[in-house]
């Protein structure tokens, strides 16, 4: 049985494992050097300090199977109601609905915290991520061609967005 909850410090090694797997093997995370545990701790502490959520999907043993979070879209105060989010699921746990469960909770949290717009920055060609976001009503916002490079190939960045219904 899988459970979604707020991350705690003991989840960071599991989050780091998922993150580094994607850095080493995939193109969804546009980094080429794996993160250290200390960098993951700093990321988590910065999220907590800023009041941004980090959710984890865990199994009955509390093993982290996926995570989702959001942070500032841009640092300017005019963007204070817009966030950029990420959802990552461990390769062995993909295709079981964890991405949907994580994104559903992340959207609900954002709505409750008066976020107006959520932005997804997706590597063009990541069909699973595009379908996940379309499932939740995200719209295509445009493609920035050849804005990243990994594995000696140029990557295009697809933006998807969702305007949330907020109480105010």
N, C-alpha and C. Protein backbone atom coordinates (compact mmCIF):
# COMPACT_ATOMS: atom_id res chain seq x y z
N UNK A 1 0.85 -1.19 0.00
CA UNK A 1 0.00 0.00 0.00
C UNK A 1 0.88 1.24 0.00
N UNK A 2 0.59 2.17 -0.88
CA UNK A 2 1.36 3.40 -0.98
C UNK A 2 0.65 4.52 -0.27
N UNK A 3 1.43 5.40 0.31
CA UNK A 3 0.90 6.53 1.07
C UNK A 3 1.64 7.79 0.65
N UNK A 4 0.90 8.90 0.49
CA UNK A 4 1.51 10.20 0.18
C UNK A 4 1.52 11.01 1.47
N UNK A 5 2.66 11.61 1.78
CA UNK A 5 2.77 12.44 2.97
C UNK A 5 3.85 13.50 2.76
N UNK A 6 3.90 14.45 3.69
CA UNK A 6 4.98 15.44 3.66
C UNK A 6 6.30 14.74 3.96
N UNK A 7 7.34 15.15 3.27
CA UNK A 7 8.66 14.56 3.48
C UNK A 7 9.22 14.98 4.83
N UNK A 8 10.04 14.10 5.37
CA UNK A 8 10.78 14.37 6.60
C UNK A 8 12.26 14.11 6.31
N UNK A 9 13.15 14.61 7.16
CA UNK A 9 14.58 14.45 6.86
C UNK A 9 15.03 13.03 6.57
N UNK A 10 14.42 12.03 7.19
CA UNK A 10 14.84 10.65 6.92
C UNK A 10 14.47 10.18 5.50
N UNK A 11 13.66 10.95 4.78
CA UNK A 11 13.30 10.62 3.40
C UNK A 11 14.34 11.09 2.39
N UNK A 12 15.29 11.90 2.83
CA UNK A 12 16.18 12.57 1.89
C UNK A 12 17.08 11.61 1.12
N UNK A 13 17.48 10.52 1.72
CA UNK A 13 18.32 9.56 0.98
C UNK A 13 17.51 8.92 -0.15
N UNK A 14 16.24 8.65 0.09
CA UNK A 14 15.39 8.10 -0.97
C UNK A 14 15.14 9.11 -2.08
N UNK A 15 14.91 10.36 -1.71
CA UNK A 15 14.74 11.43 -2.71
C UNK A 15 16.02 11.57 -3.52
N UNK A 16 17.16 11.53 -2.82
CA UNK A 16 18.46 11.65 -3.49
C UNK A 16 18.69 10.50 -4.47
N UNK A 17 18.30 9.30 -4.10
CA UNK A 17 18.46 8.14 -4.99
C UNK A 17 17.67 8.33 -6.28
N UNK A 18 16.43 8.78 -6.16
CA UNK A 18 15.59 9.02 -7.34
C UNK A 18 16.17 10.15 -8.18
N UNK A 19 16.56 11.23 -7.52
CA UNK A 19 17.13 12.38 -8.23
C UNK A 19 18.39 11.98 -8.98
N UNK A 20 19.31 11.31 -8.31
CA UNK A 20 20.57 10.95 -8.96
C UNK A 20 20.39 9.92 -10.07
N UNK A 21 19.43 9.03 -9.93
CA UNK A 21 19.15 8.10 -11.03
C UNK A 21 18.74 8.88 -12.28
N UNK A 22 17.88 9.87 -12.10
CA UNK A 22 17.44 10.67 -13.25
C UNK A 22 18.58 11.51 -13.80
N UNK A 23 19.41 12.07 -12.93
CA UNK A 23 20.55 12.87 -13.40
C UNK A 23 21.48 12.00 -14.24
N UNK A 24 21.76 10.79 -13.78
CA UNK A 24 22.72 9.91 -14.46
C UNK A 24 22.14 9.30 -15.74
N UNK A 25 20.85 8.92 -15.71
CA UNK A 25 20.30 8.12 -16.80
C UNK A 25 19.25 8.82 -17.67
N UNK A 26 18.68 9.90 -17.22
CA UNK A 26 17.55 10.49 -17.93
C UNK A 26 17.78 11.92 -18.38
N UNK A 27 16.78 12.45 -19.05
CA UNK A 27 16.86 13.84 -19.52
C UNK A 27 15.80 14.74 -18.89
N UNK A 28 15.07 14.23 -17.91
CA UNK A 28 14.06 15.07 -17.26
C UNK A 28 14.71 16.07 -16.31
N UNK A 29 15.86 15.73 -15.77
CA UNK A 29 16.58 16.59 -14.84
C UNK A 29 17.81 17.09 -15.57
N UNK A 30 17.89 18.38 -15.84
CA UNK A 30 18.96 18.93 -16.67
C UNK A 30 20.20 19.24 -15.86
N UNK A 31 20.70 18.25 -15.18
CA UNK A 31 21.98 18.32 -14.49
C UNK A 31 22.78 17.12 -14.97
N UNK A 32 24.11 17.23 -14.88
CA UNK A 32 24.95 16.11 -15.30
C UNK A 32 25.80 15.57 -14.16
N UNK A 33 25.89 16.30 -13.06
CA UNK A 33 26.68 15.86 -11.91
C UNK A 33 25.72 15.48 -10.80
N UNK A 34 25.79 14.23 -10.33
CA UNK A 34 24.89 13.80 -9.26
C UNK A 34 25.02 14.70 -8.03
N UNK A 35 23.90 14.86 -7.33
CA UNK A 35 23.89 15.64 -6.10
C UNK A 35 24.52 14.83 -4.96
N UNK A 36 25.08 15.57 -4.01
CA UNK A 36 25.55 14.94 -2.79
C UNK A 36 24.42 14.95 -1.77
N UNK A 37 24.58 14.17 -0.74
CA UNK A 37 23.57 14.15 0.32
C UNK A 37 23.45 15.55 0.94
N UNK A 38 24.57 16.22 1.15
CA UNK A 38 24.52 17.56 1.75
C UNK A 38 23.77 18.54 0.84
N UNK A 39 23.93 18.45 -0.46
CA UNK A 39 23.18 19.30 -1.39
C UNK A 39 21.68 19.00 -1.30
N UNK A 40 21.33 17.73 -1.12
CA UNK A 40 19.92 17.38 -0.99
C UNK A 40 19.35 17.93 0.31
N UNK A 41 20.12 17.89 1.38
CA UNK A 41 19.69 18.47 2.66
C UNK A 41 19.48 19.97 2.49
N UNK A 42 20.39 20.65 1.83
CA UNK A 42 20.26 22.10 1.61
C UNK A 42 19.02 22.42 0.79
N UNK A 43 18.75 21.63 -0.24
CA UNK A 43 17.55 21.81 -1.06
C UNK A 43 16.30 21.69 -0.19
N UNK A 44 16.25 20.64 0.63
CA UNK A 44 15.09 20.40 1.49
C UNK A 44 14.93 21.53 2.51
N UNK A 45 16.00 21.94 3.14
CA UNK A 45 15.93 23.02 4.13
C UNK A 45 15.49 24.33 3.50
N UNK A 46 15.95 24.60 2.28
CA UNK A 46 15.53 25.82 1.58
C UNK A 46 14.04 25.78 1.26
N UNK A 47 13.55 24.62 0.84
CA UNK A 47 12.11 24.47 0.58
C UNK A 47 11.32 24.72 1.86
N UNK A 48 11.74 24.09 2.95
CA UNK A 48 11.04 24.26 4.23
C UNK A 48 11.04 25.72 4.68
N UNK A 49 12.20 26.36 4.59
CA UNK A 49 12.32 27.75 5.03
C UNK A 49 11.41 28.68 4.22
N UNK A 50 11.26 28.39 2.93
CA UNK A 50 10.43 29.23 2.05
C UNK A 50 8.95 28.86 2.16
N UNK A 51 8.62 27.80 2.89
CA UNK A 51 7.23 27.38 3.02
C UNK A 51 6.72 26.58 1.85
N UNK A 52 7.63 25.98 1.07
CA UNK A 52 7.25 25.18 -0.08
C UNK A 52 7.14 23.72 0.32
N UNK A 53 6.19 22.99 -0.26
CA UNK A 53 5.99 21.59 0.13
C UNK A 53 6.96 20.64 -0.55
N UNK A 54 7.20 19.55 0.12
CA UNK A 54 7.87 18.39 -0.48
C UNK A 54 7.04 17.19 -0.04
N UNK A 55 6.41 16.53 -1.01
CA UNK A 55 5.62 15.34 -0.73
C UNK A 55 6.40 14.11 -1.18
N UNK A 56 6.20 13.01 -0.47
CA UNK A 56 6.79 11.74 -0.88
C UNK A 56 5.69 10.69 -0.98
N UNK A 57 5.88 9.77 -1.90
CA UNK A 57 5.07 8.55 -1.97
C UNK A 57 5.94 7.47 -1.35
N UNK A 58 5.42 6.80 -0.32
CA UNK A 58 6.18 5.77 0.38
C UNK A 58 5.38 4.47 0.42
N UNK A 59 6.12 3.37 0.49
CA UNK A 59 5.45 2.07 0.64
C UNK A 59 5.27 1.76 2.12
N UNK A 60 4.81 0.57 2.43
CA UNK A 60 4.52 0.21 3.83
C UNK A 60 5.77 0.19 4.70
N UNK A 61 6.96 0.10 4.10
CA UNK A 61 8.21 0.13 4.87
C UNK A 61 8.78 1.54 4.98
N UNK A 62 8.05 2.52 4.41
CA UNK A 62 8.46 3.93 4.37
C UNK A 62 9.56 4.19 3.34
N UNK A 63 9.77 3.26 2.41
CA UNK A 63 10.72 3.49 1.32
C UNK A 63 10.12 4.52 0.37
N UNK A 64 10.91 5.51 0.01
CA UNK A 64 10.47 6.57 -0.90
C UNK A 64 10.41 6.02 -2.32
N UNK A 65 9.22 6.11 -2.92
CA UNK A 65 9.00 5.64 -4.29
C UNK A 65 8.89 6.79 -5.28
N UNK A 66 8.65 7.99 -4.77
CA UNK A 66 8.53 9.17 -5.62
C UNK A 66 8.42 10.40 -4.75
N UNK A 67 8.58 11.55 -5.39
CA UNK A 67 8.44 12.81 -4.66
C UNK A 67 7.96 13.91 -5.58
N UNK A 68 7.40 14.93 -4.97
CA UNK A 68 6.91 16.09 -5.72
C UNK A 68 7.12 17.33 -4.86
N UNK A 69 7.41 18.44 -5.53
CA UNK A 69 7.63 19.69 -4.81
C UNK A 69 7.39 20.85 -5.76
N UNK A 70 7.29 22.02 -5.18
CA UNK A 70 7.32 23.23 -6.00
C UNK A 70 8.11 24.30 -5.29
N UNK A 71 8.52 25.28 -6.10
CA UNK A 71 9.26 26.43 -5.61
C UNK A 71 8.94 27.62 -6.45
N UNK A 72 9.65 28.68 -6.21
CA UNK A 72 9.43 29.92 -6.97
C UNK A 72 9.62 29.68 -8.46
N UNK A 73 8.75 30.30 -9.25
CA UNK A 73 8.93 30.25 -10.70
C UNK A 73 10.05 31.19 -11.09
N UNK A 74 9.99 32.41 -10.61
CA UNK A 74 11.05 33.39 -10.78
C UNK A 74 11.13 34.18 -9.48
N UNK A 75 12.25 34.79 -9.22
CA UNK A 75 12.51 35.41 -7.92
C UNK A 75 11.82 36.77 -7.72
N UNK A 76 11.21 37.33 -8.73
CA UNK A 76 10.61 38.66 -8.62
C UNK A 76 9.25 38.59 -7.94
N UNK A 77 8.92 39.63 -7.18
CA UNK A 77 7.67 39.62 -6.40
C UNK A 77 6.42 39.57 -7.27
N UNK A 78 6.51 39.97 -8.49
CA UNK A 78 5.36 39.89 -9.40
C UNK A 78 4.96 38.45 -9.72
N UNK A 79 5.84 37.50 -9.41
CA UNK A 79 5.56 36.08 -9.65
C UNK A 79 5.20 35.34 -8.36
N UNK A 80 4.87 36.08 -7.30
CA UNK A 80 4.69 35.43 -5.99
C UNK A 80 3.54 34.43 -5.94
N UNK A 81 2.62 34.47 -6.88
CA UNK A 81 1.51 33.52 -6.90
C UNK A 81 1.67 32.45 -7.98
N UNK A 82 2.88 32.35 -8.53
CA UNK A 82 3.19 31.36 -9.57
C UNK A 82 4.34 30.49 -9.08
N UNK A 83 4.19 29.18 -9.25
CA UNK A 83 5.24 28.25 -8.83
C UNK A 83 5.60 27.32 -9.99
N UNK A 84 6.82 26.80 -9.93
CA UNK A 84 7.26 25.75 -10.84
C UNK A 84 7.39 24.48 -10.03
N UNK A 85 6.84 23.41 -10.54
CA UNK A 85 6.82 22.16 -9.77
C UNK A 85 7.54 21.03 -10.51
N UNK A 86 7.81 19.98 -9.74
CA UNK A 86 8.43 18.77 -10.28
C UNK A 86 7.81 17.55 -9.63
N UNK A 87 7.72 16.48 -10.40
CA UNK A 87 7.24 15.19 -9.91
C UNK A 87 8.20 14.14 -10.46
N UNK A 88 8.76 13.33 -9.56
CA UNK A 88 9.66 12.26 -9.97
C UNK A 88 9.25 10.96 -9.29
N UNK A 89 9.26 9.89 -10.04
CA UNK A 89 8.91 8.57 -9.52
C UNK A 89 10.06 7.62 -9.84
N UNK A 90 10.42 6.80 -8.86
CA UNK A 90 11.47 5.80 -9.03
C UNK A 90 11.15 4.92 -10.23
N UNK A 91 12.15 4.56 -11.03
CA UNK A 91 11.88 3.74 -12.23
C UNK A 91 11.10 2.46 -11.94
N UNK A 92 11.37 1.79 -10.83
CA UNK A 92 10.68 0.52 -10.54
C UNK A 92 9.25 0.74 -10.04
N UNK A 93 8.87 2.00 -9.77
CA UNK A 93 7.52 2.28 -9.28
C UNK A 93 6.67 3.03 -10.30
N UNK A 94 7.20 3.25 -11.50
CA UNK A 94 6.47 3.99 -12.52
C UNK A 94 5.32 3.16 -13.08
N UNK A 95 4.29 3.85 -13.57
CA UNK A 95 3.15 3.18 -14.19
C UNK A 95 2.14 2.64 -13.20
N UNK A 96 2.24 3.04 -11.94
CA UNK A 96 1.34 2.55 -10.90
C UNK A 96 0.46 3.66 -10.32
N UNK A 97 0.46 4.83 -10.96
CA UNK A 97 -0.39 5.92 -10.50
C UNK A 97 0.23 6.82 -9.44
N UNK A 98 1.50 6.63 -9.12
CA UNK A 98 2.13 7.45 -8.09
C UNK A 98 2.30 8.90 -8.54
N UNK A 99 2.64 9.10 -9.81
CA UNK A 99 2.77 10.46 -10.32
C UNK A 99 1.45 11.21 -10.20
N UNK A 100 0.35 10.55 -10.54
CA UNK A 100 -0.98 11.17 -10.40
C UNK A 100 -1.28 11.49 -8.95
N UNK A 101 -1.01 10.57 -8.05
CA UNK A 101 -1.30 10.80 -6.64
C UNK A 101 -0.47 11.96 -6.10
N UNK A 102 0.79 12.00 -6.46
CA UNK A 102 1.66 13.09 -5.99
C UNK A 102 1.21 14.44 -6.55
N UNK A 103 0.93 14.48 -7.86
CA UNK A 103 0.53 15.76 -8.46
C UNK A 103 -0.83 16.21 -7.94
N UNK A 104 -1.73 15.29 -7.72
CA UNK A 104 -3.04 15.64 -7.16
C UNK A 104 -2.88 16.33 -5.81
N UNK A 105 -2.06 15.76 -4.92
CA UNK A 105 -1.85 16.37 -3.61
C UNK A 105 -1.11 17.70 -3.72
N UNK A 106 -0.17 17.79 -4.66
CA UNK A 106 0.58 19.03 -4.83
C UNK A 106 -0.35 20.15 -5.31
N UNK A 107 -1.24 19.85 -6.25
CA UNK A 107 -2.20 20.85 -6.74
C UNK A 107 -3.12 21.28 -5.60
N UNK A 108 -3.63 20.34 -4.83
CA UNK A 108 -4.53 20.68 -3.72
C UNK A 108 -3.81 21.56 -2.71
N UNK A 109 -2.57 21.24 -2.42
CA UNK A 109 -1.78 22.05 -1.48
C UNK A 109 -1.59 23.46 -2.03
N UNK A 110 -1.27 23.55 -3.31
CA UNK A 110 -1.07 24.86 -3.94
C UNK A 110 -2.35 25.69 -3.89
N UNK A 111 -3.49 25.08 -4.19
CA UNK A 111 -4.76 25.80 -4.13
C UNK A 111 -5.02 26.31 -2.73
N UNK A 112 -4.79 25.49 -1.74
CA UNK A 112 -5.02 25.87 -0.35
C UNK A 112 -4.09 27.02 0.08
N UNK A 113 -2.92 27.10 -0.54
CA UNK A 113 -1.94 28.13 -0.19
C UNK A 113 -1.95 29.30 -1.18
N UNK A 114 -3.06 29.46 -1.86
CA UNK A 114 -3.32 30.62 -2.72
C UNK A 114 -2.35 30.79 -3.90
N UNK A 115 -1.85 29.66 -4.39
CA UNK A 115 -1.07 29.70 -5.62
C UNK A 115 -2.05 29.90 -6.76
N UNK A 116 -1.73 30.79 -7.68
CA UNK A 116 -2.63 31.07 -8.80
C UNK A 116 -2.27 30.25 -10.05
N UNK A 117 -0.97 30.05 -10.30
CA UNK A 117 -0.55 29.34 -11.50
C UNK A 117 0.58 28.38 -11.18
N UNK A 118 0.47 27.18 -11.74
CA UNK A 118 1.53 26.19 -11.63
C UNK A 118 2.15 25.99 -13.01
N UNK A 119 3.47 25.95 -13.04
CA UNK A 119 4.22 25.79 -14.28
C UNK A 119 5.00 24.49 -14.22
N UNK A 120 4.96 23.73 -15.31
CA UNK A 120 5.79 22.54 -15.47
C UNK A 120 6.76 22.82 -16.62
N UNK A 121 8.04 22.60 -16.37
CA UNK A 121 9.06 22.72 -17.41
C UNK A 121 9.50 21.30 -17.73
N UNK A 122 9.12 20.81 -18.90
CA UNK A 122 9.25 19.40 -19.26
C UNK A 122 10.15 19.27 -20.49
N UNK A 123 11.05 18.31 -20.47
CA UNK A 123 11.85 18.03 -21.64
C UNK A 123 10.92 17.56 -22.76
N UNK A 124 10.96 18.25 -23.89
CA UNK A 124 10.10 17.85 -25.00
C UNK A 124 10.38 16.40 -25.36
N UNK A 125 9.32 15.64 -25.53
CA UNK A 125 9.46 14.22 -25.82
C UNK A 125 9.22 13.34 -24.61
N UNK A 126 9.09 13.95 -23.43
CA UNK A 126 8.78 13.18 -22.22
C UNK A 126 7.26 12.96 -22.20
N UNK A 127 6.83 11.99 -22.95
CA UNK A 127 5.40 11.72 -23.16
C UNK A 127 4.67 11.43 -21.85
N UNK A 128 5.30 10.68 -20.96
CA UNK A 128 4.64 10.33 -19.69
C UNK A 128 4.34 11.59 -18.88
N UNK A 129 5.28 12.51 -18.83
CA UNK A 129 5.07 13.74 -18.07
C UNK A 129 4.00 14.61 -18.72
N UNK A 130 4.04 14.70 -20.03
CA UNK A 130 3.03 15.50 -20.74
C UNK A 130 1.64 14.92 -20.49
N UNK A 131 1.50 13.62 -20.61
CA UNK A 131 0.19 12.98 -20.37
C UNK A 131 -0.28 13.19 -18.93
N UNK A 132 0.63 13.07 -17.98
CA UNK A 132 0.29 13.29 -16.58
C UNK A 132 -0.28 14.70 -16.40
N UNK A 133 0.38 15.68 -16.96
CA UNK A 133 -0.07 17.06 -16.80
C UNK A 133 -1.36 17.33 -17.56
N UNK A 134 -1.50 16.76 -18.72
CA UNK A 134 -2.76 16.91 -19.46
C UNK A 134 -3.92 16.31 -18.67
N UNK A 135 -3.70 15.20 -17.98
CA UNK A 135 -4.72 14.54 -17.16
C UNK A 135 -5.31 15.53 -16.15
N UNK A 136 -4.45 16.41 -15.63
CA UNK A 136 -4.87 17.39 -14.63
C UNK A 136 -5.25 18.74 -15.23
N UNK A 137 -5.37 18.81 -16.55
CA UNK A 137 -5.83 20.03 -17.19
C UNK A 137 -4.77 21.06 -17.47
N UNK A 138 -3.51 20.69 -17.41
CA UNK A 138 -2.44 21.63 -17.77
C UNK A 138 -2.49 21.86 -19.28
N UNK A 139 -2.21 23.07 -19.69
CA UNK A 139 -2.21 23.47 -21.10
C UNK A 139 -0.77 23.67 -21.57
N UNK A 140 -0.57 23.50 -22.86
CA UNK A 140 0.74 23.75 -23.45
C UNK A 140 0.96 25.25 -23.54
N UNK A 141 2.11 25.69 -23.05
CA UNK A 141 2.43 27.11 -23.05
C UNK A 141 3.48 27.52 -24.06
N UNK A 142 4.15 26.56 -24.65
CA UNK A 142 5.16 26.88 -25.64
C UNK A 142 6.41 26.03 -25.46
N UNK A 143 7.24 26.07 -26.49
CA UNK A 143 8.48 25.30 -26.49
C UNK A 143 9.64 26.25 -26.74
N UNK A 144 10.66 26.11 -25.92
CA UNK A 144 11.91 26.85 -26.13
C UNK A 144 12.91 25.85 -26.71
N UNK A 145 13.26 26.00 -27.99
CA UNK A 145 14.13 25.01 -28.63
C UNK A 145 15.59 25.13 -28.17
N UNK A 146 16.23 23.98 -28.08
CA UNK A 146 17.67 23.88 -27.82
C UNK A 146 18.12 24.76 -26.67
N UNK A 147 17.40 24.68 -25.54
CA UNK A 147 17.75 25.50 -24.37
C UNK A 147 18.57 24.73 -23.36
N UNK A 148 18.75 23.43 -23.55
CA UNK A 148 19.57 22.63 -22.65
C UNK A 148 20.34 21.60 -23.43
N UNK A 149 21.36 21.05 -22.78
CA UNK A 149 22.15 20.01 -23.44
C UNK A 149 22.46 18.94 -22.41
N UNK A 150 22.33 17.69 -22.86
CA UNK A 150 22.66 16.56 -22.01
C UNK A 150 22.92 15.37 -22.92
N UNK A 151 23.88 14.54 -22.54
CA UNK A 151 24.29 13.39 -23.34
C UNK A 151 24.63 13.81 -24.77
N UNK A 152 25.26 15.00 -24.89
CA UNK A 152 25.71 15.53 -26.18
C UNK A 152 24.57 15.77 -27.17
N UNK A 153 23.37 16.05 -26.65
CA UNK A 153 22.26 16.40 -27.54
C UNK A 153 21.53 17.62 -26.98
N UNK A 154 21.08 18.46 -27.89
CA UNK A 154 20.29 19.62 -27.49
C UNK A 154 18.90 19.17 -27.07
N UNK A 155 18.40 19.81 -26.03
CA UNK A 155 17.07 19.50 -25.52
C UNK A 155 16.16 20.71 -25.64
N UNK A 156 14.91 20.44 -25.98
CA UNK A 156 13.89 21.49 -26.06
C UNK A 156 13.09 21.48 -24.77
N UNK A 157 12.70 22.66 -24.33
CA UNK A 157 11.96 22.81 -23.08
C UNK A 157 10.50 23.16 -23.38
N UNK A 158 9.60 22.28 -22.95
CA UNK A 158 8.17 22.49 -23.11
C UNK A 158 7.61 23.04 -21.80
N UNK A 159 6.90 24.15 -21.88
CA UNK A 159 6.22 24.69 -20.72
C UNK A 159 4.76 24.29 -20.76
N UNK A 160 4.27 23.82 -19.62
CA UNK A 160 2.84 23.57 -19.45
C UNK A 160 2.40 24.34 -18.22
N UNK A 161 1.15 24.77 -18.20
CA UNK A 161 0.68 25.60 -17.09
C UNK A 161 -0.76 25.24 -16.73
N UNK A 162 -1.10 25.55 -15.50
CA UNK A 162 -2.47 25.37 -15.03
C UNK A 162 -2.79 26.57 -14.15
N UNK A 163 -3.89 27.24 -14.48
CA UNK A 163 -4.41 28.31 -13.64
C UNK A 163 -5.32 27.65 -12.61
N UNK A 164 -5.02 27.87 -11.35
CA UNK A 164 -5.77 27.23 -10.28
C UNK A 164 -6.94 28.10 -9.84
N UNK A 165 -7.97 27.46 -9.38
CA UNK A 165 -9.08 28.17 -8.76
C UNK A 165 -8.68 28.41 -7.32
N UNK A 166 -8.60 29.66 -6.93
CA UNK A 166 -8.24 29.99 -5.55
C UNK A 166 -9.40 30.67 -4.87
N UNK A 167 -9.33 30.72 -3.55
CA UNK A 167 -10.43 31.26 -2.78
C UNK A 167 -10.57 32.78 -2.94
N UNK A 168 -9.45 33.47 -3.22
CA UNK A 168 -9.49 34.94 -3.38
C UNK A 168 -9.30 35.34 -4.82
